[in-house]
Amino acid sequence: MVEKILPRARDLAHPVCLAGQRACPPEDCGGPGGYRELLQALSDPDHPEHESWTEWVPDGFAAEGFDLKELNRRLRSPDTYADWED
């Protein structure tokens, strides 16, 4: 969630994340409702969809994972924006 957009600092050429929590939902998980179902299924081995969701999520997916330093490193990288159009 974006809380505020400030004027661009003259010495800063990229966005900076100040804080966050949790990993973003994997692509094609079904929107907010699908993500909620995914998290429930992954956390409950008795959930009827536990096995299929466990096989489906990307390798290394950690719902509680958030690495502020890694995110800001990626935001500084020119490769992050290579596919973006102006």
Protein backbone atom coordinates (compact mmCIF):
# COMPACT_ATOMS: atom_id res chain seq x y z
CA MET A 1 0.00 0.00 0.00
CA VAL A 2 1.34 3.42 -0.93
CA GLU A 3 0.84 5.83 1.94
CA LYS A 4 2.32 8.99 0.49
CA ILE A 5 4.11 10.17 -2.65
CA LEU A 6 6.73 12.78 -1.92
CA PRO A 7 8.51 15.09 -4.36
CA ARG A 8 11.48 13.33 -5.91
CA ALA A 9 14.79 13.95 -4.18
CA ARG A 10 17.34 15.34 -6.62
CA ASP A 11 19.95 12.76 -5.65
CA LEU A 12 17.59 9.76 -5.79
CA ALA A 13 16.83 8.22 -9.18
CA HIS A 14 14.82 5.19 -8.04
CA PRO A 15 12.01 4.35 -5.62
CA VAL A 16 12.83 3.27 -2.06
CA CYS A 17 10.76 0.99 0.16
CA LEU A 18 10.75 2.08 3.80
CA ALA A 19 9.00 -0.91 5.36
CA GLY A 20 6.85 -3.92 4.55
CA GLN A 21 5.72 -7.34 5.59
CA ARG A 22 5.02 -10.70 3.99
CA ALA A 23 5.81 -11.90 0.50
CA CYS A 24 3.71 -10.81 -2.42
CA PRO A 25 1.22 -13.36 -3.76
CA PRO A 26 2.58 -15.69 -6.43
CA GLU A 27 1.45 -14.95 -9.99
CA ASP A 28 -1.91 -16.49 -10.93
CA CYS A 29 -2.91 -17.53 -7.40
CA GLY A 30 -6.45 -16.20 -7.88
CA GLY A 31 -6.42 -12.67 -6.50
CA PRO A 32 -6.95 -11.80 -2.83
CA GLY A 33 -9.40 -14.66 -2.25
CA GLY A 34 -7.12 -17.19 -3.92
CA TYR A 35 -4.14 -15.96 -1.94
CA ARG A 36 -6.09 -16.27 1.30
CA GLU A 37 -7.04 -19.85 0.33
CA LEU A 38 -3.42 -20.58 -0.62
CA LEU A 39 -2.16 -19.41 2.78
CA GLN A 40 -4.79 -21.47 4.60
CA ALA A 41 -3.97 -24.58 2.59
CA LEU A 42 -0.21 -24.22 3.03
CA SER A 43 -0.50 -23.77 6.78
CA ASP A 44 -2.80 -26.77 7.32
CA PRO A 45 -1.51 -30.22 6.27
CA ASP A 46 -5.07 -31.55 6.65
CA HIS A 47 -6.52 -28.99 4.22
CA PRO A 48 -7.94 -30.78 1.15
CA GLU A 49 -5.81 -28.60 -1.18
CA HIS A 50 -2.60 -28.66 0.88
CA GLU A 51 -0.72 -31.07 -1.36
CA SER A 52 -1.70 -29.46 -4.66
CA TRP A 53 -0.91 -25.90 -3.47
CA THR A 54 2.39 -27.09 -1.98
CA GLU A 55 3.40 -28.51 -5.38
CA TRP A 56 2.15 -25.40 -7.22
CA VAL A 57 3.93 -22.60 -5.31
CA PRO A 58 7.31 -21.49 -6.64
CA ASP A 59 10.41 -23.04 -5.07
CA GLY A 60 11.48 -21.09 -2.02
CA PHE A 61 8.12 -19.33 -1.55
CA ALA A 62 7.83 -18.13 2.04
CA ALA A 63 4.59 -16.28 2.79
CA GLU A 64 6.08 -14.52 5.81
CA GLY A 65 9.26 -13.59 4.00
CA PHE A 66 10.11 -9.95 3.41
CA ASP A 67 13.64 -8.71 2.85
CA LEU A 68 13.77 -4.92 2.84
CA LYS A 69 17.44 -4.80 1.84
CA GLU A 70 16.89 -7.19 -1.08
CA LEU A 71 13.83 -5.27 -2.28
CA ASN A 72 15.70 -1.97 -2.23
CA ARG A 73 18.67 -3.58 -4.00
CA ARG A 74 16.30 -4.70 -6.75
CA LEU A 75 14.69 -1.25 -6.93
CA ARG A 76 18.17 0.28 -7.48
CA SER A 77 18.99 -2.14 -10.31
CA PRO A 78 18.51 -0.85 -13.87
CA ASP A 79 17.47 -4.41 -14.83
CA THR A 80 14.35 -3.99 -12.67
CA TYR A 81 12.99 -1.44 -15.15
CA ALA A 82 14.33 -2.93 -18.39
CA ASP A 83 10.92 -4.20 -19.54
CA TRP A 84 8.95 -1.15 -18.43
CA GLU A 85 7.74 1.30 -21.04
CA ASP A 86 7.85 5.05 -20.43
